[in-house]
Amino acid sequence: TSTPIHKTFQKYSAYGYDVTVALGLVFNEVANQLMSSGQIDKLHNFTYDNSNLVDLINEILESGTFGFEGLTGRVVFYNLIFGNDGTSTGHTEIYYNRHVNDSTLVFRYDNVNGSLTRTGRIRWTTDDGIEPVDARPHTVRYSKSGIFISIAFLASIGIMITLALLLFNSVQRKHWLVKKSVPRLNELVLIGALVIYV
């Protein structure tokens, strides 16, 4: 069984490999340039205080010609012009997932060239050949005329009863029984019922 820290190392191992290869290639290029200028001994005496060697390494990394295919994709170091502060860049891939174990690479974006390449086809149909809908389907259903007529008849009876009660409430406002039931509250309830029936 693997421990969580072991899984973390496995997750980043490809990046570690790419960094190691990048360092080896950069120092190889530095050695070649120093050898061609007759200063090979400077690489053996490398310190971070030696600004000439640091500048040479940065110049090689930021030249735009330094790069290789690593485990994480194309490895190129951008210079400060791109605003990435010398960080590595690779490809961005877009996958189309139809099922749990069925993923297809459909687009690849190359960060170095700024190009988007279509690598696969997106199938918009299901296994049964049905196209997925863009939105939730709305279905309008019309009720039968007999049901509509009976509901309209019952609502009109409710409207007439409500209007009759409103009339009774306003005419008998002074009666002690109507006065006790708070006529204004009665009117408010009856108007709400009228709105519901309409």
Protein backbone atom coordinates (compact mmCIF):
# COMPACT_ATOMS: atom_id res chain seq x y z
CA THR A 1 0.00 0.00 0.00
CA SER A 2 1.15 3.50 -0.75
CA THR A 3 1.05 6.25 1.82
CA PRO A 4 -0.49 9.67 1.03
CA ILE A 5 2.97 11.28 0.88
CA HIS A 6 4.07 8.60 -1.61
CA LYS A 7 1.07 9.44 -3.81
CA THR A 8 2.03 13.13 -3.66
CA PHE A 9 5.54 12.31 -4.84
CA GLN A 10 4.14 10.21 -7.68
CA LYS A 11 1.91 13.10 -8.69
CA TYR A 12 4.85 15.48 -9.11
CA SER A 13 7.52 13.03 -10.26
CA ALA A 14 7.11 13.97 -13.95
CA TYR A 15 7.78 17.62 -13.08
CA GLY A 16 10.86 16.65 -11.09
CA TYR A 17 12.16 14.68 -14.07
CA ASP A 18 11.58 17.66 -16.39
CA VAL A 19 13.41 20.03 -14.02
CA THR A 20 16.38 17.64 -13.80
CA VAL A 21 16.58 17.32 -17.59
CA ALA A 22 16.24 21.10 -17.98
CA LEU A 23 19.13 21.71 -15.58
CA GLY A 24 21.30 19.18 -17.39
CA LEU A 25 20.55 20.70 -20.79
CA VAL A 26 21.13 24.25 -19.56
CA PHE A 27 24.49 23.39 -17.97
CA ASN A 28 25.47 21.48 -21.11
CA GLU A 29 24.71 24.57 -23.21
CA VAL A 30 26.61 26.78 -20.75
CA ALA A 31 29.60 24.42 -20.95
CA ASN A 32 29.48 24.48 -24.78
CA GLN A 33 29.40 28.27 -24.88
CA LEU A 34 32.18 28.59 -22.30
CA MET A 35 34.27 25.99 -24.17
CA SER A 36 33.87 27.86 -27.45
CA SER A 37 35.09 31.04 -25.74
CA GLY A 38 37.93 29.23 -23.92
CA GLN A 39 36.53 29.78 -20.39
CA ILE A 40 35.52 26.21 -19.45
CA ASP A 41 37.11 26.44 -16.01
CA LYS A 42 34.54 29.06 -14.99
CA LEU A 43 31.78 26.44 -14.83
CA HIS A 44 33.71 24.43 -12.24
CA ASN A 45 34.07 27.53 -10.11
CA PHE A 46 30.37 28.40 -10.34
CA THR A 47 28.86 30.41 -7.48
CA TYR A 48 25.65 32.38 -7.33
CA ASP A 49 27.74 35.51 -6.78
CA ASN A 50 29.23 35.13 -10.27
CA SER A 51 26.84 37.35 -12.18
CA ASN A 52 28.35 36.48 -15.59
CA LEU A 53 27.39 32.79 -15.28
CA VAL A 54 23.97 33.61 -13.85
CA ASP A 55 23.35 36.02 -16.73
CA LEU A 56 24.48 33.35 -19.23
CA ILE A 57 22.08 30.78 -17.72
CA ASN A 58 19.21 33.27 -17.79
CA GLU A 59 20.07 34.24 -21.37
CA ILE A 60 19.93 30.58 -22.46
CA LEU A 61 16.63 29.96 -20.64
CA GLU A 62 15.01 33.14 -21.92
CA SER A 63 16.25 32.89 -25.50
CA GLY A 64 13.08 31.16 -26.68
CA THR A 65 15.14 28.53 -28.52
CA PHE A 66 15.77 26.42 -25.44
CA GLY A 67 13.15 23.73 -24.99
CA PHE A 68 12.52 20.00 -25.08
CA GLU A 69 9.70 17.45 -24.96
CA GLY A 70 9.41 16.40 -21.33
CA LEU A 71 7.07 14.11 -19.47
CA THR A 72 4.65 17.00 -18.85
CA GLY A 73 4.65 18.16 -22.48
CA ARG A 74 6.75 20.74 -24.26
CA VAL A 75 9.01 22.48 -21.72
CA VAL A 76 9.97 26.06 -22.58
CA PHE A 77 10.95 28.88 -20.22
CA TYR A 78 9.37 32.23 -20.99
CA ASN A 79 11.26 35.41 -20.27
CA LEU A 80 9.96 38.40 -18.36
CA ILE A 81 8.40 39.88 -21.51
CA PHE A 82 5.56 37.37 -21.23
CA GLY A 83 5.07 38.22 -17.56
CA ASN A 84 5.61 34.64 -16.37
CA ASP A 85 8.88 35.30 -14.52
CA GLY A 86 10.78 32.44 -16.16
CA THR A 87 8.26 29.72 -15.39
CA SER A 88 7.90 26.59 -17.49
CA THR A 89 4.96 26.16 -19.82
CA GLY A 90 3.37 23.18 -21.54
CA HIS A 91 0.24 22.12 -23.41
CA THR A 92 -3.35 22.51 -22.30
CA GLU A 93 -5.55 19.60 -23.30
CA ILE A 94 -9.36 19.50 -23.40
CA TYR A 95 -11.02 16.10 -23.09
CA TYR A 96 -14.58 15.10 -23.93
CA ASN A 97 -16.01 12.62 -21.42
CA ARG A 98 -18.99 10.55 -22.52
CA HIS A 99 -18.89 7.87 -19.86
CA VAL A 100 -16.85 7.19 -16.74
CA ASN A 101 -14.01 5.39 -18.57
CA ASP A 102 -14.47 6.97 -22.00
CA SER A 103 -12.54 10.22 -22.46
CA THR A 104 -11.34 11.52 -25.82
CA LEU A 105 -8.79 14.26 -26.39
CA VAL A 106 -10.54 16.81 -28.62
CA PHE A 107 -8.42 19.98 -28.41
CA ARG A 108 -4.81 20.79 -27.57
CA TYR A 109 -3.64 24.35 -26.93
CA ASP A 110 0.06 24.98 -27.44
CA ASN A 111 1.07 27.73 -25.01
CA VAL A 112 4.34 28.36 -26.83
CA ASN A 113 2.89 29.00 -30.30
CA GLY A 114 -0.54 30.13 -29.12
CA SER A 115 -2.25 27.63 -31.44
CA LEU A 116 -5.35 25.55 -30.83
CA THR A 117 -5.46 22.20 -32.61
CA ARG A 118 -8.47 19.93 -32.93
CA THR A 119 -7.38 16.36 -32.31
CA GLY A 120 -10.65 14.47 -32.01
CA ARG A 121 -14.34 14.56 -32.74
CA ILE A 122 -17.09 15.34 -30.27
CA ARG A 123 -20.10 13.03 -30.58
CA TRP A 124 -23.25 14.91 -29.67
CA THR A 125 -25.48 11.85 -29.81
CA THR A 126 -26.06 9.16 -27.24
CA ASP A 127 -25.55 5.48 -27.92
CA ASP A 128 -29.19 5.35 -29.08
CA GLY A 129 -28.58 8.16 -31.61
CA ILE A 130 -30.54 10.76 -29.63
CA GLU A 131 -29.19 14.31 -29.51
CA PRO A 132 -29.11 15.89 -26.03
CA VAL A 133 -31.38 18.86 -25.45
CA ASP A 134 -29.95 22.34 -24.92
CA ALA A 135 -32.41 23.21 -22.17
CA ARG A 136 -35.19 21.71 -20.14
CA PRO A 137 -38.10 20.99 -22.49
CA HIS A 138 -41.32 22.90 -21.81
CA THR A 139 -44.56 21.14 -22.63
CA VAL A 140 -47.83 23.03 -22.81
CA ARG A 141 -50.81 20.84 -22.10
CA TYR A 142 -54.33 21.97 -22.76
CA SER A 143 -57.09 20.68 -20.57
CA LYS A 144 -60.25 19.27 -22.05
CA SER A 145 -63.10 21.70 -22.52
CA GLY A 146 -65.39 19.84 -20.09
CA ILE A 147 -62.90 20.21 -17.23
CA PHE A 148 -62.33 23.88 -18.08
CA ILE A 149 -66.05 24.65 -18.14
CA SER A 150 -66.69 22.95 -14.79
CA ILE A 151 -63.76 24.78 -13.09
CA ALA A 152 -64.86 28.12 -14.59
CA PHE A 153 -68.43 27.48 -13.36
CA LEU A 154 -67.25 26.73 -9.80
CA ALA A 155 -64.97 29.79 -9.81
CA SER A 156 -67.82 32.04 -10.94
CA ILE A 157 -70.00 30.71 -8.10
CA GLY A 158 -67.13 31.50 -5.68
CA ILE A 159 -66.85 35.03 -7.13
CA MET A 160 -70.60 35.63 -6.69
CA ILE A 161 -70.55 34.39 -3.08
CA THR A 162 -67.52 36.58 -2.32
CA LEU A 163 -69.18 39.66 -3.83
CA ALA A 164 -72.37 38.92 -1.85
CA LEU A 165 -70.36 38.67 1.38
CA LEU A 166 -68.55 41.93 0.59
CA LEU A 167 -71.90 43.64 0.02
CA PHE A 168 -73.30 42.17 3.26
CA ASN A 169 -70.19 43.27 5.18
CA SER A 170 -70.43 46.87 3.96
CA VAL A 171 -74.23 47.17 4.43
CA GLN A 172 -74.34 45.55 7.90
CA ARG A 173 -71.17 47.28 9.14
CA LYS A 174 -72.97 48.83 12.13
CA HIS A 175 -74.53 45.54 13.30
CA TRP A 176 -72.98 44.41 16.60
CA LEU A 177 -72.04 40.92 15.25
CA VAL A 178 -70.30 42.27 12.14
CA LYS A 179 -68.64 44.98 14.21
CA LYS A 180 -67.20 42.33 16.57
CA SER A 181 -65.69 40.41 13.62
CA VAL A 182 -63.67 43.49 12.47
CA PRO A 183 -65.22 44.57 9.12
CA ARG A 184 -61.93 45.80 7.62
CA LEU A 185 -60.28 42.43 8.22
CA ASN A 186 -63.32 40.71 6.69
CA GLU A 187 -62.99 42.88 3.58
CA LEU A 188 -59.29 42.09 3.29
CA VAL A 189 -59.93 38.33 3.48
CA LEU A 190 -62.79 38.53 0.97
CA ILE A 191 -60.71 40.56 -1.53
CA GLY A 192 -57.95 37.94 -1.24
CA ALA A 193 -60.48 35.19 -1.96
CA LEU A 194 -61.77 37.18 -4.93
CA VAL A 195 -58.26 37.45 -6.35
CA ILE A 196 -57.79 33.69 -5.97
CA TYR A 197 -61.03 32.95 -7.84
CA VAL A 198 -60.17 35.29 -10.70
